[in-house]
Amino acid sequence: MKRMTLTRRALSLALAEKQGLHQLDAAEIVEAVFSVMKDAMVAGESVKLVQFGTLLVLDKSSRCGRNPRTGEEMLISRRRMVSFRPSKRLRDRINQSD
């Protein structure tokens, strides 16, 4: 089975077709939505998209780890990461049998 990836360009083309917009206008809308989402996550906020899922910003504390090549212990610095939790409705649609 061939895997496909939905890109920003494909998303803006689909938006333009579905809403009857010019492609450049649709691309600007897509960029604006992603910009607002990025700004919120950089500020530490989660982004909840109803009936789709939630993008959570998680704080990971520093910890000791090992270099897999050498086995040498090293400190993994604290960091923030983004996790996606799909909504129940999305999970159910994904898991529907074909």
Protein backbone atom coordinates (compact mmCIF):
# COMPACT_ATOMS: atom_id res chain seq x y z
CA MET A 1 0.00 0.00 0.00
CA LYS A 2 1.40 3.39 -1.00
CA ARG A 3 1.54 5.93 1.82
CA MET A 4 0.59 9.48 1.04
CA THR A 5 1.42 12.64 2.96
CA LEU A 6 -0.87 15.64 3.14
CA THR A 7 1.37 18.66 2.55
CA ARG A 8 0.63 22.34 3.07
CA ARG A 9 0.34 22.74 -0.69
CA ALA A 10 -2.14 19.87 -0.99
CA LEU A 11 -4.08 21.24 1.97
CA SER A 12 -4.31 24.70 0.40
CA LEU A 13 -5.33 23.22 -2.98
CA ALA A 14 -8.09 21.19 -1.30
CA LEU A 15 -9.26 24.27 0.62
CA ALA A 16 -9.31 26.35 -2.57
CA GLU A 17 -11.32 23.72 -4.41
CA LYS A 18 -13.75 23.03 -1.58
CA GLN A 19 -14.41 26.69 -0.71
CA GLY A 20 -14.10 28.17 -4.20
CA LEU A 21 -11.10 30.31 -3.26
CA HIS A 22 -8.11 31.38 -5.30
CA GLN A 23 -5.10 29.14 -4.60
CA LEU A 24 -2.98 32.00 -3.22
CA ASP A 25 -5.76 33.05 -0.83
CA ALA A 26 -6.16 29.48 0.38
CA ALA A 27 -2.38 29.17 0.88
CA GLU A 28 -2.38 32.37 2.96
CA ILE A 29 -5.21 31.01 5.13
CA VAL A 30 -3.36 27.74 5.71
CA GLU A 31 -0.15 29.64 6.60
CA ALA A 32 -2.09 31.93 8.97
CA VAL A 33 -3.69 28.97 10.77
CA PHE A 34 -0.33 27.24 11.22
CA SER A 35 1.25 30.50 12.38
CA VAL A 36 -1.39 30.98 15.09
CA MET A 37 -0.99 27.35 16.20
CA LYS A 38 2.82 27.65 16.34
CA ASP A 39 2.65 30.88 18.35
CA ALA A 40 0.29 29.28 20.86
CA MET A 41 2.50 26.21 21.29
CA VAL A 42 5.67 28.31 21.65
CA ALA A 43 3.86 30.13 24.47
CA GLY A 44 3.24 26.74 26.13
CA GLU A 45 -0.46 26.49 25.28
CA SER A 46 -2.13 23.34 23.98
CA VAL A 47 -4.11 23.55 20.74
CA LYS A 48 -7.48 21.79 20.83
CA LEU A 49 -9.21 21.14 17.51
CA VAL A 50 -12.70 19.84 18.28
CA GLN A 51 -13.54 16.51 16.58
CA PHE A 52 -9.89 16.21 15.48
CA GLY A 53 -7.56 16.16 18.48
CA THR A 54 -5.29 18.09 20.79
CA LEU A 55 -1.67 19.16 20.32
CA LEU A 56 -0.17 19.12 23.81
CA VAL A 57 3.04 20.91 24.80
CA LEU A 58 4.87 18.73 27.31
CA ASP A 59 7.82 19.68 29.50
CA LYS A 60 10.41 16.91 29.79
CA SER A 61 12.84 17.16 32.68
CA SER A 62 16.55 16.48 32.28
CA ARG A 63 17.67 12.91 32.81
CA CYS A 64 20.62 10.58 32.44
CA GLY A 65 20.84 8.58 29.25
CA ARG A 66 23.35 6.53 27.29
CA ASN A 67 24.95 6.98 23.91
CA PRO A 68 23.77 3.84 22.05
CA ARG A 69 27.04 3.56 20.10
CA THR A 70 29.51 3.86 22.94
CA GLY A 71 27.40 3.12 26.02
CA GLU A 72 28.77 6.33 27.55
CA GLU A 73 26.46 8.02 30.06
CA MET A 74 25.34 11.51 29.13
CA LEU A 75 22.92 14.12 30.39
CA ILE A 76 19.84 14.68 28.26
CA SER A 77 18.82 18.29 28.82
CA ARG A 78 15.32 19.36 29.72
CA ARG A 79 13.18 20.22 26.77
CA ARG A 80 9.65 20.80 25.53
CA MET A 81 7.96 18.53 23.03
CA VAL A 82 4.65 18.36 21.23
CA SER A 83 2.38 15.35 21.49
CA PHE A 84 -0.82 14.72 19.52
CA ARG A 85 -3.82 13.10 21.17
CA PRO A 86 -6.57 12.30 18.64
CA SER A 87 -10.22 12.78 19.54
CA LYS A 88 -12.42 9.76 20.11
CA ARG A 89 -14.32 10.54 16.92
CA LEU A 90 -11.09 10.61 14.85
CA ARG A 91 -9.83 7.37 16.44
CA ASP A 92 -13.14 5.67 15.67
CA ARG A 93 -13.06 6.80 12.02
CA ILE A 94 -9.45 5.69 11.59
CA ASN A 95 -10.20 2.29 13.08
CA GLN A 96 -13.36 1.58 11.08
CA SER A 97 -12.98 -1.62 9.13
CA ASP A 98 -12.77 -1.17 5.35
